[in-house]
Amino acid sequence: APFERTITADETKQLRKRAPARNEKQIGDIYLMTSLTKEAQLHYYECIEQSKSTADWAW
């Protein structure tokens, strides 16, 4: 397919570093969808802090 490309070793390392923060965001999303806003907020704050440390500004 035209959109497929090979991921380099450096990109793989970067994605592995960013995965925990992205997981926190997804957990926060699930809590928010179930109306558990306090728990969602905690996970979002954790996501923000972890994203800062890995320079993952998209999340």
PDB file of N, CA and C in Angstrom:
ATOM      1  N   ALA A   1       0.845  -1.185   0.000  1.00  0.00           N
ATOM      2  CA  ALA A   1       0.000   0.000   0.000  1.00  0.00           C
ATOM      3  C   ALA A   1       0.885   1.241   0.000  1.00  0.00           C
ATOM      4  N   PRO A   2       0.417   2.314  -0.557  1.00  0.00           N
ATOM      5  CA  PRO A   2       1.257   3.516  -0.674  1.00  0.00           C
ATOM      6  C   PRO A   2       1.574   4.192   0.657  1.00  0.00           C
ATOM      7  N   PHE A   3       0.791   3.922   1.697  1.00  0.00           N
ATOM      8  CA  PHE A   3       1.013   4.594   2.969  1.00  0.00           C
ATOM      9  C   PHE A   3       1.896   3.804   3.926  1.00  0.00           C
ATOM     10  N   GLU A   4       2.254   2.597   3.559  1.00  0.00           N
ATOM     11  CA  GLU A   4       3.110   1.788   4.409  1.00  0.00           C
ATOM     12  C   GLU A   4       4.556   2.228   4.253  1.00  0.00           C
ATOM     13  N   ARG A   5       5.269   2.229   5.361  1.00  0.00           N
ATOM     14  CA  ARG A   5       6.689   2.553   5.303  1.00  0.00           C
ATOM     15  C   ARG A   5       7.394   1.787   6.411  1.00  0.00           C
ATOM     16  N   THR A   6       8.676   1.668   6.271  1.00  0.00           N
ATOM     17  CA  THR A   6       9.471   0.959   7.254  1.00  0.00           C
ATOM     18  C   THR A   6       9.800   1.895   8.408  1.00  0.00           C
ATOM     19  N   ILE A   7       9.669   1.397   9.622  1.00  0.00           N
ATOM     20  CA  ILE A   7      10.000   2.180  10.809  1.00  0.00           C
ATOM     21  C   ILE A   7      11.438   1.866  11.187  1.00  0.00           C
ATOM     22  N   THR A   8      12.215   2.906  11.417  1.00  0.00           N
ATOM     23  CA  THR A   8      13.620   2.724  11.767  1.00  0.00           C
ATOM     24  C   THR A   8      13.758   2.347  13.237  1.00  0.00           C
ATOM     25  N   ALA A   9      14.945   1.919  13.615  1.00  0.00           N
ATOM     26  CA  ALA A   9      15.215   1.549  15.007  1.00  0.00           C
ATOM     27  C   ALA A   9      15.053   2.747  15.931  1.00  0.00           C
ATOM     28  N   ASP A  10      15.481   3.923  15.482  1.00  0.00           N
ATOM     29  CA  ASP A  10      15.329   5.130  16.301  1.00  0.00           C
ATOM     30  C   ASP A  10      13.861   5.464  16.534  1.00  0.00           C
ATOM     31  N   GLU A  11      13.045   5.303  15.502  1.00  0.00           N
ATOM     32  CA  GLU A  11      11.617   5.574  15.650  1.00  0.00           C
ATOM     33  C   GLU A  11      10.967   4.570  16.597  1.00  0.00           C
ATOM     34  N   THR A  12      11.411   3.326  16.549  1.00  0.00           N
ATOM     35  CA  THR A  12      10.886   2.309  17.449  1.00  0.00           C
ATOM     36  C   THR A  12      11.205   2.660  18.895  1.00  0.00           C
ATOM     37  N   LYS A  13      12.428   3.098  19.167  1.00  0.00           N
ATOM     38  CA  LYS A  13      12.806   3.508  20.522  1.00  0.00           C
ATOM     39  C   LYS A  13      11.942   4.670  20.989  1.00  0.00           C
ATOM     40  N   GLN A  14      11.738   5.634  20.103  1.00  0.00           N
ATOM     41  CA  GLN A  14      10.935   6.812  20.439  1.00  0.00           C
ATOM     42  C   GLN A  14       9.497   6.405  20.773  1.00  0.00           C
ATOM     43  N   LEU A  15       8.935   5.510  19.974  1.00  0.00           N
ATOM     44  CA  LEU A  15       7.568   5.062  20.217  1.00  0.00           C
ATOM     45  C   LEU A  15       7.456   4.301  21.534  1.00  0.00           C
ATOM     46  N   ARG A  16       8.457   3.508  21.861  1.00  0.00           N
ATOM     47  CA  ARG A  16       8.437   2.774  23.134  1.00  0.00           C
ATOM     48  C   ARG A  16       8.513   3.711  24.328  1.00  0.00           C
ATOM     49  N   LYS A  17       9.264   4.796  24.188  1.00  0.00           N
ATOM     50  CA  LYS A  17       9.351   5.782  25.269  1.00  0.00           C
ATOM     51  C   LYS A  17       8.024   6.508  25.453  1.00  0.00           C
ATOM     52  N   ARG A  18       7.325   6.736  24.353  1.00  0.00           N
ATOM     53  CA  ARG A  18       6.081   7.499  24.397  1.00  0.00           C
ATOM     54  C   ARG A  18       4.868   6.659  24.773  1.00  0.00           C
ATOM     55  N   ALA A  19       4.962   5.358  24.684  1.00  0.00           N
ATOM     56  CA  ALA A  19       3.813   4.480  24.898  1.00  0.00           C
ATOM     57  C   ALA A  19       3.157   4.634  26.272  1.00  0.00           C
ATOM     58  N   PRO A  20       3.910   4.703  27.379  1.00  0.00           N
ATOM     59  CA  PRO A  20       3.242   4.824  28.682  1.00  0.00           C
ATOM     60  C   PRO A  20       2.357   6.069  28.803  1.00  0.00           C
ATOM     61  N   ALA A  21       2.821   7.198  28.299  1.00  0.00           N
ATOM     62  CA  ALA A  21       2.020   8.424  28.362  1.00  0.00           C
ATOM     63  C   ALA A  21       0.767   8.289  27.503  1.00  0.00           C
ATOM     64  N   ARG A  22       0.913   7.700  26.346  1.00  0.00           N
ATOM     65  CA  ARG A  22      -0.239   7.534  25.460  1.00  0.00           C
ATOM     66  C   ARG A  22      -1.256   6.567  26.062  1.00  0.00           C
ATOM     67  N   ASN A  23      -0.771   5.560  26.780  1.00  0.00           N
ATOM     68  CA  ASN A  23      -1.680   4.646  27.471  1.00  0.00           C
ATOM     69  C   ASN A  23      -2.438   5.376  28.576  1.00  0.00           C
ATOM     70  N   GLU A  24      -1.748   6.252  29.309  1.00  0.00           N
ATOM     71  CA  GLU A  24      -2.410   7.036  30.358  1.00  0.00           C
ATOM     72  C   GLU A  24      -3.529   7.882  29.762  1.00  0.00           C
ATOM     73  N   LYS A  25      -3.285   8.464  28.597  1.00  0.00           N
ATOM     74  CA  LYS A  25      -4.304   9.288  27.946  1.00  0.00           C
ATOM     75  C   LYS A  25      -5.507   8.446  27.566  1.00  0.00           C
ATOM     76  N   GLN A  26      -5.268   7.263  27.040  1.00  0.00           N
ATOM     77  CA  GLN A  26      -6.379   6.400  26.650  1.00  0.00           C
ATOM     78  C   GLN A  26      -7.181   5.945  27.868  1.00  0.00           C
ATOM     79  N   ILE A  27      -6.501   5.661  28.962  1.00  0.00           N
ATOM     80  CA  ILE A  27      -7.200   5.296  30.198  1.00  0.00           C
ATOM     81  C   ILE A  27      -8.041   6.478  30.675  1.00  0.00           C
ATOM     82  N   GLY A  28      -7.460   7.679  30.606  1.00  0.00           N
ATOM     83  CA  GLY A  28      -8.215   8.876  30.962  1.00  0.00           C
ATOM     84  C   GLY A  28      -9.451   9.043  30.095  1.00  0.00           C
ATOM     85  N   ASP A  29      -9.323   8.764  28.805  1.00  0.00           N
ATOM     86  CA  ASP A  29     -10.469   8.854  27.894  1.00  0.00           C
ATOM     87  C   ASP A  29     -11.576   7.886  28.309  1.00  0.00           C
ATOM     88  N   ILE A  30     -11.192   6.682  28.680  1.00  0.00           N
ATOM     89  CA  ILE A  30     -12.181   5.681  29.098  1.00  0.00           C
ATOM     90  C   ILE A  30     -12.889   6.138  30.367  1.00  0.00           C
ATOM     91  N   TYR A  31     -12.129   6.639  31.336  1.00  0.00           N
ATOM     92  CA  TYR A  31     -12.754   7.149  32.558  1.00  0.00           C
ATOM     93  C   TYR A  31     -13.696   8.305  32.249  1.00  0.00           C
ATOM     94  N   LEU A  32     -13.308   9.184  31.352  1.00  0.00           N
ATOM     95  CA  LEU A  32     -14.155  10.322  31.005  1.00  0.00           C
ATOM     96  C   LEU A  32     -15.447   9.858  30.331  1.00  0.00           C
ATOM     97  N   MET A  33     -15.351   8.865  29.463  1.00  0.00           N
ATOM     98  CA  MET A  33     -16.550   8.349  28.795  1.00  0.00           C
ATOM     99  C   MET A  33     -17.503   7.674  29.771  1.00  0.00           C
ATOM    100  N   THR A  34     -16.971   7.201  30.892  1.00  0.00           N
ATOM    101  CA  THR A  34     -17.816   6.557  31.898  1.00  0.00           C
ATOM    102  C   THR A  34     -18.191   7.525  33.018  1.00  0.00           C
ATOM    103  N   SER A  35     -17.979   8.809  32.787  1.00  0.00           N
ATOM    104  CA  SER A  35     -18.351   9.893  33.709  1.00  0.00           C
ATOM    105  C   SER A  35     -17.577   9.879  35.020  1.00  0.00           C
ATOM    106  N   LEU A  36     -16.393   9.302  35.025  1.00  0.00           N
ATOM    107  CA  LEU A  36     -15.526   9.325  36.206  1.00  0.00           C
ATOM    108  C   LEU A  36     -14.476  10.414  35.987  1.00  0.00           C
ATOM    109  N   THR A  37     -14.912  11.656  36.137  1.00  0.00           N
ATOM    110  CA  THR A  37     -14.077  12.793  35.747  1.00  0.00           C
ATOM    111  C   THR A  37     -12.848  12.976  36.626  1.00  0.00           C
ATOM    112  N   LYS A  38     -12.963  12.716  37.912  1.00  0.00           N
ATOM    113  CA  LYS A  38     -11.796  12.883  38.798  1.00  0.00           C
ATOM    114  C   LYS A  38     -10.685  11.910  38.419  1.00  0.00           C
ATOM    115  N   GLU A  39     -11.057  10.655  38.173  1.00  0.00           N
ATOM    116  CA  GLU A  39     -10.070   9.660  37.778  1.00  0.00           C
ATOM    117  C   GLU A  39      -9.477  10.001  36.412  1.00  0.00           C
ATOM    118  N   ALA A  40     -10.330  10.472  35.504  1.00  0.00           N
ATOM    119  CA  ALA A  40      -9.853  10.864  34.177  1.00  0.00           C
ATOM    120  C   ALA A  40      -8.839  11.989  34.294  1.00  0.00           C
ATOM    121  N   GLN A  41      -9.126  12.955  35.139  1.00  0.00           N
ATOM    122  CA  GLN A  41      -8.230  14.092  35.318  1.00  0.00           C
ATOM    123  C   GLN A  41      -6.866  13.642  35.833  1.00  0.00           C
ATOM    124  N   LEU A  42      -6.846  12.702  36.758  1.00  0.00           N
ATOM    125  CA  LEU A  42      -5.574  12.190  37.276  1.00  0.00           C
ATOM    126  C   LEU A  42      -4.745  11.556  36.161  1.00  0.00           C
ATOM    127  N   HIS A  43      -5.385  10.776  35.322  1.00  0.00           N
ATOM    128  CA  HIS A  43      -4.668  10.120  34.227  1.00  0.00           C
ATOM    129  C   HIS A  43      -4.212  11.128  33.176  1.00  0.00           C
ATOM    130  N   TYR A  44      -5.020  12.147  32.931  1.00  0.00           N
ATOM    131  CA  TYR A  44      -4.609  13.192  31.985  1.00  0.00           C
ATOM    132  C   TYR A  44      -3.397  13.955  32.505  1.00  0.00           C
ATOM    133  N   TYR A  45      -3.389  14.281  33.803  1.00  0.00           N
ATOM    134  CA  TYR A  45      -2.229  14.970  34.371  1.00  0.00           C
ATOM    135  C   TYR A  45      -0.974  14.104  34.267  1.00  0.00           C
ATOM    136  N   GLU A  46      -1.129  12.816  34.536  1.00  0.00           N
ATOM    137  CA  GLU A  46       0.006  11.898  34.418  1.00  0.00           C
ATOM    138  C   GLU A  46       0.482  11.829  32.968  1.00  0.00           C
ATOM    139  N   CYS A  47      -0.447  11.800  32.044  1.00  0.00           N
ATOM    140  CA  CYS A  47      -0.101  11.801  30.620  1.00  0.00           C
ATOM    141  C   CYS A  47       0.684  13.049  30.252  1.00  0.00           C
ATOM    142  N   ILE A  48       0.242  14.188  30.731  1.00  0.00           N
ATOM    143  CA  ILE A  48       0.924  15.450  30.423  1.00  0.00           C
ATOM    144  C   ILE A  48       2.353  15.429  30.933  1.00  0.00           C
ATOM    145  N   GLU A  49       2.541  15.000  32.168  1.00  0.00           N
ATOM    146  CA  GLU A  49       3.889  14.970  32.743  1.00  0.00           C
ATOM    147  C   GLU A  49       4.798  14.005  31.986  1.00  0.00           C
ATOM    148  N   GLN A  50       4.281  12.828  31.666  1.00  0.00           N
ATOM    149  CA  GLN A  50       5.091  11.860  30.933  1.00  0.00           C
ATOM    150  C   GLN A  50       5.373  12.335  29.512  1.00  0.00           C
ATOM    151  N   SER A  51       4.425  13.012  28.903  1.00  0.00           N
ATOM    152  CA  SER A  51       4.621  13.526  27.542  1.00  0.00           C
ATOM    153  C   SER A  51       5.686  14.606  27.506  1.00  0.00           C
ATOM    154  N   LYS A  52       5.733  15.418  28.539  1.00  0.00           N
ATOM    155  CA  LYS A  52       6.765  16.458  28.607  1.00  0.00           C
ATOM    156  C   LYS A  52       8.155  15.839  28.651  1.00  0.00           C
ATOM    157  N   SER A  53       8.301  14.762  29.403  1.00  0.00           N
ATOM    158  CA  SER A  53       9.626  14.155  29.555  1.00  0.00           C
ATOM    159  C   SER A  53      10.109  13.457  28.287  1.00  0.00           C
ATOM    160  N   THR A  54       9.184  13.106  27.393  1.00  0.00           N
ATOM    161  CA  THR A  54       9.579  12.453  26.140  1.00  0.00           C
ATOM    162  C   THR A  54       9.398  13.363  24.929  1.00  0.00           C
ATOM    163  N   ALA A  55       9.086  14.621  25.160  1.00  0.00           N
ATOM    164  CA  ALA A  55       8.882  15.611  24.091  1.00  0.00           C
ATOM    165  C   ALA A  55       7.815  15.157  23.099  1.00  0.00           C
ATOM    166  N   ASP A  56       6.743  14.585  23.612  1.00  0.00           N
ATOM    167  CA  ASP A  56       5.626  14.120  22.787  1.00  0.00           C
ATOM    168  C   ASP A  56       4.528  15.179  22.837  1.00  0.00           C
ATOM    169  N   TRP A  57       4.687  16.232  22.060  1.00  0.00           N
ATOM    170  CA  TRP A  57       3.778  17.376  22.152  1.00  0.00           C
ATOM    171  C   TRP A  57       2.446  17.119  21.471  1.00  0.00           C
ATOM    172  N   ALA A  58       2.357  16.135  20.620  1.00  0.00           N
ATOM    173  CA  ALA A  58       1.091  15.851  19.942  1.00  0.00           C
ATOM    174  C   ALA A  58       0.045  15.329  20.915  1.00  0.00           C
ATOM    175  N   TRP A  59       0.471  14.720  22.017  1.00  0.00           N
ATOM    176  CA  TRP A  59      -0.452  14.163  22.985  1.00  0.00           C
ATOM    177  C   TRP A  59      -0.577  15.087  24.155  1.00  0.00           C
TER     178      TRP A  59
END
